[in-house]
Amino acid sequence: MLRRNPRCAEVAVAGRTLHVPHEGREVDGAVHVYIRPEKVHLANGDARVRGRIATRVFVGNQWLLEVETELGKLRVAQPNLGAPPPAEGHEVGLAWTDDDLRVLMQDGREGAHGHA
């Protein structure tokens, strides 16, 4: 952990600093950061990270995407609104809010993949 304040832990992941809510838990040392696929969305100007679509799968009411980024492979669940998302191989931007990030100690205790 780089720093901790009353609301979040600053976690270094792939050369970036993520602000992950710790919800009052003790967070220090090596951690994993995770986010639910439905909390990540395709973005343009407000993209937090860019990557290439590695896989896209249509499952009726939604599209499931795997996007290769410098943070690793991120999964995106996007509602089916009629138009398909960009094709595999296309570069896209991804965004999320810090409040949707979660942290898990590498030893399995809840408490984000980086160093907190």
PDB file of N, CA and C in Angstrom:
ATOM      1  N   MET A   1       0.848  -1.169   0.000  1.00  0.00           N
ATOM      2  CA  MET A   1       0.000   0.000   0.000  1.00  0.00           C
ATOM      3  C   MET A   1       0.893   1.232   0.000  1.00  0.00           C
ATOM      4  N   LEU A   2       0.545   2.170  -0.817  1.00  0.00           N
ATOM      5  CA  LEU A   2       1.308   3.402  -0.852  1.00  0.00           C
ATOM      6  C   LEU A   2       0.919   4.317   0.302  1.00  0.00           C
ATOM      7  N   ARG A   3      -0.404   4.490   0.453  1.00  0.00           N
ATOM      8  CA  ARG A   3      -0.942   5.314   1.538  1.00  0.00           C
ATOM      9  C   ARG A   3      -2.332   4.835   1.878  1.00  0.00           C
ATOM     10  N   ARG A   4      -2.773   5.214   3.026  1.00  0.00           N
ATOM     11  CA  ARG A   4      -4.127   4.889   3.462  1.00  0.00           C
ATOM     12  C   ARG A   4      -4.722   6.154   4.058  1.00  0.00           C
ATOM     13  N   ASN A   5      -5.955   6.437   3.705  1.00  0.00           N
ATOM     14  CA  ASN A   5      -6.663   7.531   4.344  1.00  0.00           C
ATOM     15  C   ASN A   5      -7.954   6.954   4.918  1.00  0.00           C
ATOM     16  N   PRO A   6      -8.781   7.748   5.552  1.00  0.00           N
ATOM     17  CA  PRO A   6      -9.990   7.174   6.165  1.00  0.00           C
ATOM     18  C   PRO A   6     -10.922   6.456   5.184  1.00  0.00           C
ATOM     19  N   ARG A   7     -10.881   6.781   3.884  1.00  0.00           N
ATOM     20  CA  ARG A   7     -11.806   6.208   2.926  1.00  0.00           C
ATOM     21  C   ARG A   7     -11.204   5.131   2.039  1.00  0.00           C
ATOM     22  N   CYS A   8      -9.938   5.282   1.642  1.00  0.00           N
ATOM     23  CA  CYS A   8      -9.386   4.335   0.671  1.00  0.00           C
ATOM     24  C   CYS A   8      -7.902   4.072   0.897  1.00  0.00           C
ATOM     25  N   ALA A   9      -7.457   3.003   0.222  1.00  0.00           N
ATOM     26  CA  ALA A   9      -6.035   2.662   0.174  1.00  0.00           C
ATOM     27  C   ALA A   9      -5.545   2.979  -1.228  1.00  0.00           C
ATOM     28  N   GLU A  10      -4.364   3.564  -1.333  1.00  0.00           N
ATOM     29  CA  GLU A  10      -3.739   3.773  -2.637  1.00  0.00           C
ATOM     30  C   GLU A  10      -2.926   2.532  -2.942  1.00  0.00           C
ATOM     31  N   VAL A  11      -3.253   1.871  -4.064  1.00  0.00           N
ATOM     32  CA  VAL A  11      -2.632   0.606  -4.420  1.00  0.00           C
ATOM     33  C   VAL A  11      -1.915   0.763  -5.755  1.00  0.00           C
ATOM     34  N   ALA A  12      -0.641   0.398  -5.817  1.00  0.00           N
ATOM     35  CA  ALA A  12       0.141   0.465  -7.052  1.00  0.00           C
ATOM     36  C   ALA A  12      -0.073  -0.815  -7.857  1.00  0.00           C
ATOM     37  N   VAL A  13      -0.580  -0.666  -9.098  1.00  0.00           N
ATOM     38  CA  VAL A  13      -0.826  -1.797  -9.988  1.00  0.00           C
ATOM     39  C   VAL A  13      -0.303  -1.420 -11.367  1.00  0.00           C
ATOM     40  N   ALA A  14       0.673  -2.151 -11.882  1.00  0.00           N
ATOM     41  CA  ALA A  14       1.220  -1.950 -13.229  1.00  0.00           C
ATOM     42  C   ALA A  14       1.587  -0.487 -13.478  1.00  0.00           C
ATOM     43  N   GLY A  15       2.238   0.137 -12.511  1.00  0.00           N
ATOM     44  CA  GLY A  15       2.699   1.507 -12.682  1.00  0.00           C
ATOM     45  C   GLY A  15       1.621   2.571 -12.500  1.00  0.00           C
ATOM     46  N   ARG A  16       0.431   2.175 -12.100  1.00  0.00           N
ATOM     47  CA  ARG A  16      -0.661   3.118 -11.847  1.00  0.00           C
ATOM     48  C   ARG A  16      -1.033   3.063 -10.371  1.00  0.00           C
ATOM     49  N   THR A  17      -1.620   4.133  -9.897  1.00  0.00           N
ATOM     50  CA  THR A  17      -2.127   4.151  -8.541  1.00  0.00           C
ATOM     51  C   THR A  17      -3.644   4.099  -8.585  1.00  0.00           C
ATOM     52  N   LEU A  18      -4.220   3.071  -7.960  1.00  0.00           N
ATOM     53  CA  LEU A  18      -5.668   2.932  -7.864  1.00  0.00           C
ATOM     54  C   LEU A  18      -6.089   3.290  -6.442  1.00  0.00           C
ATOM     55  N   HIS A  19      -7.224   3.962  -6.328  1.00  0.00           N
ATOM     56  CA  HIS A  19      -7.774   4.340  -5.024  1.00  0.00           C
ATOM     57  C   HIS A  19      -8.904   3.383  -4.705  1.00  0.00           C
ATOM     58  N   VAL A  20      -8.635   2.451  -3.792  1.00  0.00           N
ATOM     59  CA  VAL A  20      -9.546   1.350  -3.505  1.00  0.00           C
ATOM     60  C   VAL A  20     -10.150   1.522  -2.116  1.00  0.00           C
ATOM     61  N   PRO A  21     -11.493   1.608  -2.012  1.00  0.00           N
ATOM     62  CA  PRO A  21     -12.112   1.702  -0.689  1.00  0.00           C
ATOM     63  C   PRO A  21     -11.718   0.502   0.178  1.00  0.00           C
ATOM     64  N   HIS A  22     -11.347   0.754   1.422  1.00  0.00           N
ATOM     65  CA  HIS A  22     -10.963  -0.353   2.303  1.00  0.00           C
ATOM     66  C   HIS A  22     -12.063  -0.705   3.289  1.00  0.00           C
ATOM     67  N   GLU A  23     -13.103   0.100   3.362  1.00  0.00           N
ATOM     68  CA  GLU A  23     -14.263  -0.181   4.206  1.00  0.00           C
ATOM     69  C   GLU A  23     -13.866  -0.489   5.641  1.00  0.00           C
ATOM     70  N   GLY A  24     -12.842   0.203   6.126  1.00  0.00           N
ATOM     71  CA  GLY A  24     -12.425   0.053   7.511  1.00  0.00           C
ATOM     72  C   GLY A  24     -11.532  -1.136   7.801  1.00  0.00           C
ATOM     73  N   ARG A  25     -11.274  -1.997   6.794  1.00  0.00           N
ATOM     74  CA  ARG A  25     -10.416  -3.166   7.012  1.00  0.00           C
ATOM     75  C   ARG A  25      -8.950  -2.745   7.000  1.00  0.00           C
ATOM     76  N   GLU A  26      -8.136  -3.509   7.687  1.00  0.00           N
ATOM     77  CA  GLU A  26      -6.693  -3.301   7.668  1.00  0.00           C
ATOM     78  C   GLU A  26      -6.159  -3.775   6.317  1.00  0.00           C
ATOM     79  N   VAL A  27      -5.441  -2.924   5.615  1.00  0.00           N
ATOM     80  CA  VAL A  27      -4.915  -3.263   4.291  1.00  0.00           C
ATOM     81  C   VAL A  27      -3.451  -2.861   4.248  1.00  0.00           C
ATOM     82  N   ASP A  28      -2.570  -3.849   4.066  1.00  0.00           N
ATOM     83  CA  ASP A  28      -1.167  -3.522   3.876  1.00  0.00           C
ATOM     84  C   ASP A  28      -0.472  -4.684   3.187  1.00  0.00           C
ATOM     85  N   GLY A  29       0.678  -4.418   2.581  1.00  0.00           N
ATOM     86  CA  GLY A  29       1.430  -5.456   1.886  1.00  0.00           C
ATOM     87  C   GLY A  29       0.856  -5.779   0.527  1.00  0.00           C
ATOM     88  N   ALA A  30       1.126  -6.993   0.043  1.00  0.00           N
ATOM     89  CA  ALA A  30       0.699  -7.426  -1.286  1.00  0.00           C
ATOM     90  C   ALA A  30      -0.797  -7.736  -1.280  1.00  0.00           C
ATOM     91  N   VAL A  31      -1.501  -7.196  -2.259  1.00  0.00           N
ATOM     92  CA  VAL A  31      -2.953  -7.339  -2.326  1.00  0.00           C
ATOM     93  C   VAL A  31      -3.403  -7.580  -3.766  1.00  0.00           C
ATOM     94  N   HIS A  32      -4.659  -8.025  -3.938  1.00  0.00           N
ATOM     95  CA  HIS A  32      -5.318  -8.150  -5.231  1.00  0.00           C
ATOM     96  C   HIS A  32      -6.414  -7.102  -5.288  1.00  0.00           C
ATOM     97  N   VAL A  33      -6.557  -6.449  -6.450  1.00  0.00           N
ATOM     98  CA  VAL A  33      -7.660  -5.523  -6.684  1.00  0.00           C
ATOM     99  C   VAL A  33      -8.602  -6.203  -7.656  1.00  0.00           C
ATOM    100  N   TYR A  34      -9.895  -6.146  -7.384  1.00  0.00           N
ATOM    101  CA  TYR A  34     -10.846  -6.744  -8.302  1.00  0.00           C
ATOM    102  C   TYR A  34     -12.066  -5.850  -8.451  1.00  0.00           C
ATOM    103  N   ILE A  35     -12.797  -6.081  -9.555  1.00  0.00           N
ATOM    104  CA  ILE A  35     -14.008  -5.332  -9.850  1.00  0.00           C
ATOM    105  C   ILE A  35     -14.957  -6.255 -10.600  1.00  0.00           C
ATOM    106  N   ARG A  36     -16.238  -6.151 -10.318  1.00  0.00           N
ATOM    107  CA  ARG A  36     -17.234  -6.985 -11.002  1.00  0.00           C
ATOM    108  C   ARG A  36     -17.361  -6.540 -12.455  1.00  0.00           C
ATOM    109  N   PRO A  37     -17.521  -7.485 -13.396  1.00  0.00           N
ATOM    110  CA  PRO A  37     -17.580  -7.146 -14.826  1.00  0.00           C
ATOM    111  C   PRO A  37     -18.673  -6.142 -15.187  1.00  0.00           C
ATOM    112  N   GLU A  38     -19.792  -6.149 -14.481  1.00  0.00           N
ATOM    113  CA  GLU A  38     -20.867  -5.219 -14.807  1.00  0.00           C
ATOM    114  C   GLU A  38     -20.565  -3.792 -14.343  1.00  0.00           C
ATOM    115  N   LYS A  39     -19.509  -3.612 -13.554  1.00  0.00           N
ATOM    116  CA  LYS A  39     -19.119  -2.286 -13.082  1.00  0.00           C
ATOM    117  C   LYS A  39     -18.123  -1.608 -14.019  1.00  0.00           C
ATOM    118  N   VAL A  40     -17.583  -2.341 -15.002  1.00  0.00           N
ATOM    119  CA  VAL A  40     -16.646  -1.801 -15.991  1.00  0.00           C
ATOM    120  C   VAL A  40     -17.439  -1.514 -17.257  1.00  0.00           C
ATOM    121  N   HIS A  41     -17.203  -0.355 -17.882  1.00  0.00           N
ATOM    122  CA  HIS A  41     -17.922  -0.050 -19.110  1.00  0.00           C
ATOM    123  C   HIS A  41     -16.992   0.531 -20.172  1.00  0.00           C
ATOM    124  N   LEU A  42     -17.402   0.372 -21.438  1.00  0.00           N
ATOM    125  CA  LEU A  42     -16.656   0.952 -22.547  1.00  0.00           C
ATOM    126  C   LEU A  42     -16.756   2.465 -22.454  1.00  0.00           C
ATOM    127  N   ALA A  43     -15.654   3.141 -22.741  1.00  0.00           N
ATOM    128  CA  ALA A  43     -15.609   4.590 -22.564  1.00  0.00           C
ATOM    129  C   ALA A  43     -14.743   5.234 -23.637  1.00  0.00           C
ATOM    130  N   ASN A  44     -14.951   6.496 -23.837  1.00  0.00           N
ATOM    131  CA  ASN A  44     -14.112   7.278 -24.748  1.00  0.00           C
ATOM    132  C   ASN A  44     -13.257   8.237 -23.942  1.00  0.00           C
ATOM    133  N   GLY A  45     -13.730   9.457 -23.751  1.00  0.00           N
ATOM    134  CA  GLY A  45     -12.945  10.485 -23.077  1.00  0.00           C
ATOM    135  C   GLY A  45     -12.642  10.221 -21.623  1.00  0.00           C
ATOM    136  N   ASP A  46     -13.501   9.482 -20.933  1.00  0.00           N
ATOM    137  CA  ASP A  46     -13.282   9.243 -19.508  1.00  0.00           C
ATOM    138  C   ASP A  46     -12.635   7.889 -19.222  1.00  0.00           C
ATOM    139  N   ALA A  47     -11.961   7.311 -20.213  1.00  0.00           N
ATOM    140  CA  ALA A  47     -11.340   5.991 -20.052  1.00  0.00           C
ATOM    141  C   ALA A  47     -10.245   6.033 -18.989  1.00  0.00           C
ATOM    142  N   ARG A  48     -10.249   5.049 -18.099  1.00  0.00           N
ATOM    143  CA  ARG A  48      -9.207   4.899 -17.085  1.00  0.00           C
ATOM    144  C   ARG A  48      -8.016   4.121 -17.638  1.00  0.00           C
ATOM    145  N   VAL A  49      -8.305   3.222 -18.616  1.00  0.00           N
ATOM    146  CA  VAL A  49      -7.270   2.397 -19.229  1.00  0.00           C
ATOM    147  C   VAL A  49      -7.742   2.024 -20.631  1.00  0.00           C
ATOM    148  N   ARG A  50      -6.807   1.750 -21.521  1.00  0.00           N
ATOM    149  CA  ARG A  50      -7.137   1.321 -22.876  1.00  0.00           C
ATOM    150  C   ARG A  50      -6.639  -0.106 -23.066  1.00  0.00           C
ATOM    151  N   GLY A  51      -7.304  -0.822 -23.965  1.00  0.00           N
ATOM    152  CA  GLY A  51      -6.902  -2.196 -24.236  1.00  0.00           C
ATOM    153  C   GLY A  51      -7.541  -2.700 -25.513  1.00  0.00           C
ATOM    154  N   ARG A  52      -7.262  -3.959 -25.853  1.00  0.00           N
ATOM    155  CA  ARG A  52      -7.819  -4.600 -27.052  1.00  0.00           C
ATOM    156  C   ARG A  52      -8.772  -5.700 -26.647  1.00  0.00           C
ATOM    157  N   ILE A  53      -9.900  -5.756 -27.351  1.00  0.00           N
ATOM    158  CA  ILE A  53     -10.867  -6.808 -27.078  1.00  0.00           C
ATOM    159  C   ILE A  53     -10.280  -8.134 -27.533  1.00  0.00           C
ATOM    160  N   ALA A  54     -10.099  -9.046 -26.595  1.00  0.00           N
ATOM    161  CA  ALA A  54      -9.553 -10.372 -26.897  1.00  0.00           C
ATOM    162  C   ALA A  54     -10.674 -11.352 -27.224  1.00  0.00           C
ATOM    163  N   THR A  55     -11.787 -11.219 -26.520  1.00  0.00           N
ATOM    164  CA  THR A  55     -12.918 -12.131 -26.690  1.00  0.00           C
ATOM    165  C   THR A  55     -14.201 -11.353 -26.487  1.00  0.00           C
ATOM    166  N   ARG A  56     -15.215 -11.657 -27.291  1.00  0.00           N
ATOM    167  CA  ARG A  56     -16.560 -11.122 -27.040  1.00  0.00           C
ATOM    168  C   ARG A  56     -17.552 -12.239 -27.284  1.00  0.00           C
ATOM    169  N   VAL A  57     -18.486 -12.387 -26.361  1.00  0.00           N
ATOM    170  CA  VAL A  57     -19.463 -13.469 -26.411  1.00  0.00           C
ATOM    171  C   VAL A  57     -20.842 -12.876 -26.169  1.00  0.00           C
ATOM    172  N   PHE A  58     -21.780 -13.217 -27.045  1.00  0.00           N
ATOM    173  CA  PHE A  58     -23.165 -12.776 -26.897  1.00  0.00           C
ATOM    174  C   PHE A  58     -23.925 -13.824 -26.103  1.00  0.00           C
ATOM    175  N   VAL A  59     -24.577 -13.408 -25.022  1.00  0.00           N
ATOM    176  CA  VAL A  59     -25.336 -14.346 -24.203  1.00  0.00           C
ATOM    177  C   VAL A  59     -26.761 -13.833 -23.975  1.00  0.00           C
ATOM    178  N   GLY A  60     -27.450 -13.522 -25.059  1.00  0.00           N
ATOM    179  CA  GLY A  60     -28.859 -13.136 -24.995  1.00  0.00           C
ATOM    180  C   GLY A  60     -29.097 -11.702 -24.587  1.00  0.00           C
ATOM    181  N   ASN A  61     -29.109 -11.452 -23.296  1.00  0.00           N
ATOM    182  CA  ASN A  61     -29.400 -10.100 -22.836  1.00  0.00           C
ATOM    183  C   ASN A  61     -28.151  -9.260 -22.589  1.00  0.00           C
ATOM    184  N   GLN A  62     -26.975  -9.836 -22.812  1.00  0.00           N
ATOM    185  CA  GLN A  62     -25.749  -9.069 -22.607  1.00  0.00           C
ATOM    186  C   GLN A  62     -24.593  -9.599 -23.451  1.00  0.00           C
ATOM    187  N   TRP A  63     -23.572  -8.752 -23.562  1.00  0.00           N
ATOM    188  CA  TRP A  63     -22.300  -9.118 -24.177  1.00  0.00           C
ATOM    189  C   TRP A  63     -21.274  -9.255 -23.065  1.00  0.00           C
ATOM    190  N   LEU A  64     -20.469 -10.307 -23.131  1.00  0.00           N
ATOM    191  CA  LEU A  64     -19.344 -10.480 -22.216  1.00  0.00           C
ATOM    192  C   LEU A  64     -18.072 -10.261 -23.014  1.00  0.00           C
ATOM    193  N   LEU A  65     -17.230  -9.363 -22.540  1.00  0.00           N
ATOM    194  CA  LEU A  65     -15.980  -9.022 -23.226  1.00  0.00           C
ATOM    195  C   LEU A  65     -14.801  -9.308 -22.307  1.00  0.00           C
ATOM    196  N   GLU A  66     -13.696  -9.758 -22.893  1.00  0.00           N
ATOM    197  CA  GLU A  66     -12.412  -9.820 -22.198  1.00  0.00           C
ATOM    198  C   GLU A  66     -11.501  -8.853 -22.930  1.00  0.00           C
ATOM    199  N   VAL A  67     -10.930  -7.908 -22.186  1.00  0.00           N
ATOM    200  CA  VAL A  67     -10.101  -6.860 -22.770  1.00  0.00           C
ATOM    201  C   VAL A  67      -8.704  -6.960 -22.165  1.00  0.00           C
ATOM    202  N   GLU A  68      -7.693  -7.112 -23.036  1.00  0.00           N
ATOM    203  CA  GLU A  68      -6.292  -7.156 -22.596  1.00  0.00           C
ATOM    204  C   GLU A  68      -5.818  -5.727 -22.375  1.00  0.00           C
ATOM    205  N   THR A  69      -5.376  -5.413 -21.145  1.00  0.00           N
ATOM    206  CA  THR A  69      -4.906  -4.072 -20.796  1.00  0.00           C
ATOM    207  C   THR A  69      -3.571  -4.175 -20.082  1.00  0.00           C
ATOM    208  N   GLU A  70      -2.957  -3.044 -19.813  1.00  0.00           N
ATOM    209  CA  GLU A  70      -1.709  -3.052 -19.046  1.00  0.00           C
ATOM    210  C   GLU A  70      -1.949  -3.452 -17.590  1.00  0.00           C
ATOM    211  N   LEU A  71      -3.199  -3.430 -17.149  1.00  0.00           N
ATOM    212  CA  LEU A  71      -3.533  -3.892 -15.795  1.00  0.00           C
ATOM    213  C   LEU A  71      -3.801  -5.383 -15.757  1.00  0.00           C
ATOM    214  N   GLY A  72      -3.797  -6.027 -16.931  1.00  0.00           N
ATOM    215  CA  GLY A  72      -4.146  -7.428 -17.047  1.00  0.00           C
ATOM    216  C   GLY A  72      -5.434  -7.559 -17.830  1.00  0.00           C
ATOM    217  N   LYS A  73      -6.000  -8.749 -17.829  1.00  0.00           N
ATOM    218  CA  LYS A  73      -7.241  -9.006 -18.553  1.00  0.00           C
ATOM    219  C   LYS A  73      -8.415  -8.534 -17.700  1.00  0.00           C
ATOM    220  N   LEU A  74      -9.208  -7.607 -18.250  1.00  0.00           N
ATOM    221  CA  LEU A  74     -10.395  -7.128 -17.558  1.00  0.00           C
ATOM    222  C   LEU A  74     -11.625  -7.667 -18.268  1.00  0.00           C
ATOM    223  N   ARG A  75     -12.605  -8.050 -17.491  1.00  0.00           N
ATOM    224  CA  ARG A  75     -13.860  -8.570 -18.041  1.00  0.00           C
ATOM    225  C   ARG A  75     -14.932  -7.499 -17.935  1.00  0.00           C
ATOM    226  N   VAL A  76     -15.741  -7.396 -19.000  1.00  0.00           N
ATOM    227  CA  VAL A  76     -16.797  -6.396 -19.075  1.00  0.00           C
ATOM    228  C   VAL A  76     -18.098  -7.106 -19.406  1.00  0.00           C
ATOM    229  N   ALA A  77     -19.147  -6.819 -18.652  1.00  0.00           N
ATOM    230  CA  ALA A  77     -20.491  -7.307 -18.956  1.00  0.00           C
ATOM    231  C   ALA A  77     -21.302  -6.086 -19.371  1.00  0.00           C
ATOM    232  N   GLN A  78     -21.766  -6.104 -20.614  1.00  0.00           N
ATOM    233  CA  GLN A  78     -22.466  -4.953 -21.169  1.00  0.00           C
ATOM    234  C   GLN A  78     -23.851  -5.377 -21.634  1.00  0.00           C
ATOM    235  N   PRO A  79     -24.903  -4.632 -21.273  1.00  0.00           N
ATOM    236  CA  PRO A  79     -26.239  -5.023 -21.714  1.00  0.00           C
ATOM    237  C   PRO A  79     -26.354  -5.013 -23.233  1.00  0.00           C
ATOM    238  N   ASN A  80     -27.174  -5.905 -23.757  1.00  0.00           N
ATOM    239  CA  ASN A  80     -27.446  -5.941 -25.193  1.00  0.00           C
ATOM    240  C   ASN A  80     -28.501  -4.883 -25.500  1.00  0.00           C
ATOM    241  N   LEU A  81     -28.077  -3.795 -26.103  1.00  0.00           N
ATOM    242  CA  LEU A  81     -28.987  -2.701 -26.451  1.00  0.00           C
ATOM    243  C   LEU A  81     -29.279  -2.677 -27.946  1.00  0.00           C
ATOM    244  N   GLY A  82     -28.988  -3.774 -28.635  1.00  0.00           N
ATOM    245  CA  GLY A  82     -29.281  -3.880 -30.059  1.00  0.00           C
ATOM    246  C   GLY A  82     -28.052  -3.852 -30.948  1.00  0.00           C
ATOM    247  N   ALA A  83     -27.104  -2.983 -30.673  1.00  0.00           N
ATOM    248  CA  ALA A  83     -25.881  -2.896 -31.482  1.00  0.00           C
ATOM    249  C   ALA A  83     -24.762  -3.662 -30.778  1.00  0.00           C
ATOM    250  N   PRO A  84     -23.995  -4.458 -31.518  1.00  0.00           N
ATOM    251  CA  PRO A  84     -22.898  -5.197 -30.883  1.00  0.00           C
ATOM    252  C   PRO A  84     -21.757  -4.260 -30.486  1.00  0.00           C
ATOM    253  N   PRO A  85     -20.949  -4.683 -29.524  1.00  0.00           N
ATOM    254  CA  PRO A  85     -19.763  -3.895 -29.165  1.00  0.00           C
ATOM    255  C   PRO A  85     -18.715  -4.032 -30.266  1.00  0.00           C
ATOM    256  N   PRO A  86     -17.636  -3.253 -30.172  1.00  0.00           N
ATOM    257  CA  PRO A  86     -16.563  -3.394 -31.172  1.00  0.00           C
ATOM    258  C   PRO A  86     -16.084  -4.847 -31.275  1.00  0.00           C
ATOM    259  N   ALA A  87     -15.553  -5.186 -32.438  1.00  0.00           N
ATOM    260  CA  ALA A  87     -15.106  -6.552 -32.728  1.00  0.00           C
ATOM    261  C   ALA A  87     -13.818  -6.891 -31.978  1.00  0.00           C
ATOM    262  N   GLU A  88     -13.544  -8.187 -31.902  1.00  0.00           N
ATOM    263  CA  GLU A  88     -12.285  -8.656 -31.312  1.00  0.00           C
ATOM    264  C   GLU A  88     -11.126  -8.007 -32.060  1.00  0.00           C
ATOM    265  N   GLY A  89     -10.110  -7.608 -31.318  1.00  0.00           N
ATOM    266  CA  GLY A  89      -8.940  -6.954 -31.893  1.00  0.00           C
ATOM    267  C   GLY A  89      -9.011  -5.438 -31.880  1.00  0.00           C
ATOM    268  N   HIS A  90     -10.186  -4.865 -31.693  1.00  0.00           N
ATOM    269  CA  HIS A  90     -10.321  -3.414 -31.661  1.00  0.00           C
ATOM    270  C   HIS A  90      -9.854  -2.854 -30.320  1.00  0.00           C
ATOM    271  N   GLU A  91      -9.259  -1.664 -30.375  1.00  0.00           N
ATOM    272  CA  GLU A  91      -8.850  -0.971 -29.162  1.00  0.00           C
ATOM    273  C   GLU A  91     -10.044  -0.229 -28.592  1.00  0.00           C
ATOM    274  N   VAL A  92     -10.197  -0.317 -27.285  1.00  0.00           N
ATOM    275  CA  VAL A  92     -11.294   0.352 -26.590  1.00  0.00           C
ATOM    276  C   VAL A  92     -10.777   0.984 -25.307  1.00  0.00           C
ATOM    277  N   GLY A  93     -11.526   1.929 -24.794  1.00  0.00           N
ATOM    278  CA  GLY A  93     -11.264   2.503 -23.487  1.00  0.00           C
ATOM    279  C   GLY A  93     -12.214   1.883 -22.480  1.00  0.00           C
ATOM    280  N   LEU A  94     -11.754   1.734 -21.250  1.00  0.00           N
ATOM    281  CA  LEU A  94     -12.572   1.189 -20.173  1.00  0.00           C
ATOM    282  C   LEU A  94     -12.601   2.178 -19.013  1.00  0.00           C
ATOM    283  N   ALA A  95     -13.739   2.245 -18.345  1.00  0.00           N
ATOM    284  CA  ALA A  95     -13.874   3.143 -17.202  1.00  0.00           C
ATOM    285  C   ALA A  95     -14.634   2.441 -16.085  1.00  0.00           C
ATOM    286  N   TRP A  96     -14.486   2.964 -14.893  1.00  0.00           N
ATOM    287  CA  TRP A  96     -15.178   2.485 -13.704  1.00  0.00           C
ATOM    288  C   TRP A  96     -15.047   3.576 -12.658  1.00  0.00           C
ATOM    289  N   THR A  97     -15.749   3.428 -11.574  1.00  0.00           N
ATOM    290  CA  THR A  97     -15.585   4.358 -10.459  1.00  0.00           C
ATOM    291  C   THR A  97     -14.756   3.680  -9.379  1.00  0.00           C
ATOM    292  N   ASP A  98     -13.990   4.468  -8.649  1.00  0.00           N
ATOM    293  CA  ASP A  98     -13.161   3.917  -7.579  1.00  0.00           C
ATOM    294  C   ASP A  98     -13.994   3.153  -6.554  1.00  0.00           C
ATOM    295  N   ASP A  99     -15.205   3.629  -6.292  1.00  0.00           N
ATOM    296  CA  ASP A  99     -16.045   2.973  -5.287  1.00  0.00           C
ATOM    297  C   ASP A  99     -16.423   1.550  -5.661  1.00  0.00           C
ATOM    298  N   ASP A 100     -16.284   1.170  -6.954  1.00  0.00           N
ATOM    299  CA  ASP A 100     -16.611  -0.190  -7.386  1.00  0.00           C
ATOM    300  C   ASP A 100     -15.436  -1.152  -7.256  1.00  0.00           C
ATOM    301  N   LEU A 101     -14.245  -0.659  -6.963  1.00  0.00           N
ATOM    302  CA  LEU A 101     -13.080  -1.521  -6.768  1.00  0.00           C
ATOM    303  C   LEU A 101     -13.158  -2.182  -5.397  1.00  0.00           C
ATOM    304  N   ARG A 102     -12.608  -3.379  -5.302  1.00  0.00           N
ATOM    305  CA  ARG A 102     -12.548  -4.103  -4.033  1.00  0.00           C
ATOM    306  C   ARG A 102     -11.125  -4.613  -3.834  1.00  0.00           C
ATOM    307  N   VAL A 103     -10.792  -4.876  -2.594  1.00  0.00           N
ATOM    308  CA  VAL A 103      -9.441  -5.288  -2.246  1.00  0.00           C
ATOM    309  C   VAL A 103      -9.489  -6.622  -1.509  1.00  0.00           C
ATOM    310  N   LEU A 104      -8.512  -7.484  -1.797  1.00  0.00           N
ATOM    311  CA  LEU A 104      -8.382  -8.782  -1.137  1.00  0.00           C
ATOM    312  C   LEU A 104      -6.904  -9.006  -0.864  1.00  0.00           C
ATOM    313  N   MET A 105      -6.582  -9.295   0.377  1.00  0.00           N
ATOM    314  CA  MET A 105      -5.188  -9.564   0.725  1.00  0.00           C
ATOM    315  C   MET A 105      -4.731 -10.811  -0.017  1.00  0.00           C
ATOM    316  N   GLN A 106      -3.476 -10.880  -0.431  1.00  0.00           N
ATOM    317  CA  GLN A 106      -2.996 -12.026  -1.196  1.00  0.00           C
ATOM    318  C   GLN A 106      -3.039 -13.317  -0.395  1.00  0.00           C
ATOM    319  N   ASP A 107      -3.098 -13.225   0.916  1.00  0.00           N
ATOM    320  CA  ASP A 107      -3.196 -14.441   1.716  1.00  0.00           C
ATOM    321  C   ASP A 107      -4.643 -14.917   1.846  1.00  0.00           C
ATOM    322  N   GLY A 108      -5.569 -14.239   1.109  1.00  0.00           N
ATOM    323  CA  GLY A 108      -6.963 -14.658   1.118  1.00  0.00           C
ATOM    324  C   GLY A 108      -7.861 -13.830   2.004  1.00  0.00           C
ATOM    325  N   ARG A 109      -7.264 -13.023   2.875  1.00  0.00           N
ATOM    326  CA  ARG A 109      -8.106 -12.165   3.704  1.00  0.00           C
ATOM    327  C   ARG A 109      -8.640 -11.037   2.845  1.00  0.00           C
ATOM    328  N   GLU A 110      -9.912 -10.655   3.104  1.00  0.00           N
ATOM    329  CA  GLU A 110     -10.416  -9.496   2.386  1.00  0.00           C
ATOM    330  C   GLU A 110      -9.660  -8.300   2.878  1.00  0.00           C
ATOM    331  N   GLY A 111      -9.509  -7.524   2.282  1.00  0.00           N
ATOM    332  CA  GLY A 111      -8.872  -6.368   2.823  1.00  0.00           C
ATOM    333  C   GLY A 111      -8.457  -5.338   1.842  1.00  0.00           C
ATOM    334  N   ALA A 112      -6.850  -6.130  -2.630  1.00  0.00           N
ATOM    335  CA  ALA A 112      -6.621  -5.610  -3.924  1.00  0.00           C
ATOM    336  C   ALA A 112      -5.323  -6.163  -4.319  1.00  0.00           C
ATOM    337  N   HIS A 113      -4.396  -6.814  -7.160  1.00  0.00           N
ATOM    338  CA  HIS A 113      -3.080  -7.358  -7.356  1.00  0.00           C
ATOM    339  C   HIS A 113      -2.197  -6.152  -7.443  1.00  0.00           C
ATOM    340  N   GLY A 114      -1.485  -5.847  -6.535  1.00  0.00           N
ATOM    341  CA  GLY A 114      -0.572  -4.751  -6.444  1.00  0.00           C
ATOM    342  C   GLY A 114      -0.058  -4.702  -5.021  1.00  0.00           C
ATOM    343  N   HIS A 115       0.533  -3.594  -4.681  1.00  0.00           N
ATOM    344  CA  HIS A 115       0.983  -3.414  -3.306  1.00  0.00           C
ATOM    345  C   HIS A 115       0.238  -2.233  -2.726  1.00  0.00           C
ATOM    346  N   ALA A 116      -0.364  -2.490  -1.587  1.00  0.00           N
ATOM    347  CA  ALA A 116      -1.117  -1.440  -0.923  1.00  0.00           C
ATOM    348  C   ALA A 116      -0.207  -0.742   0.061  1.00  0.00           C
TER     349      ALA A 116
END
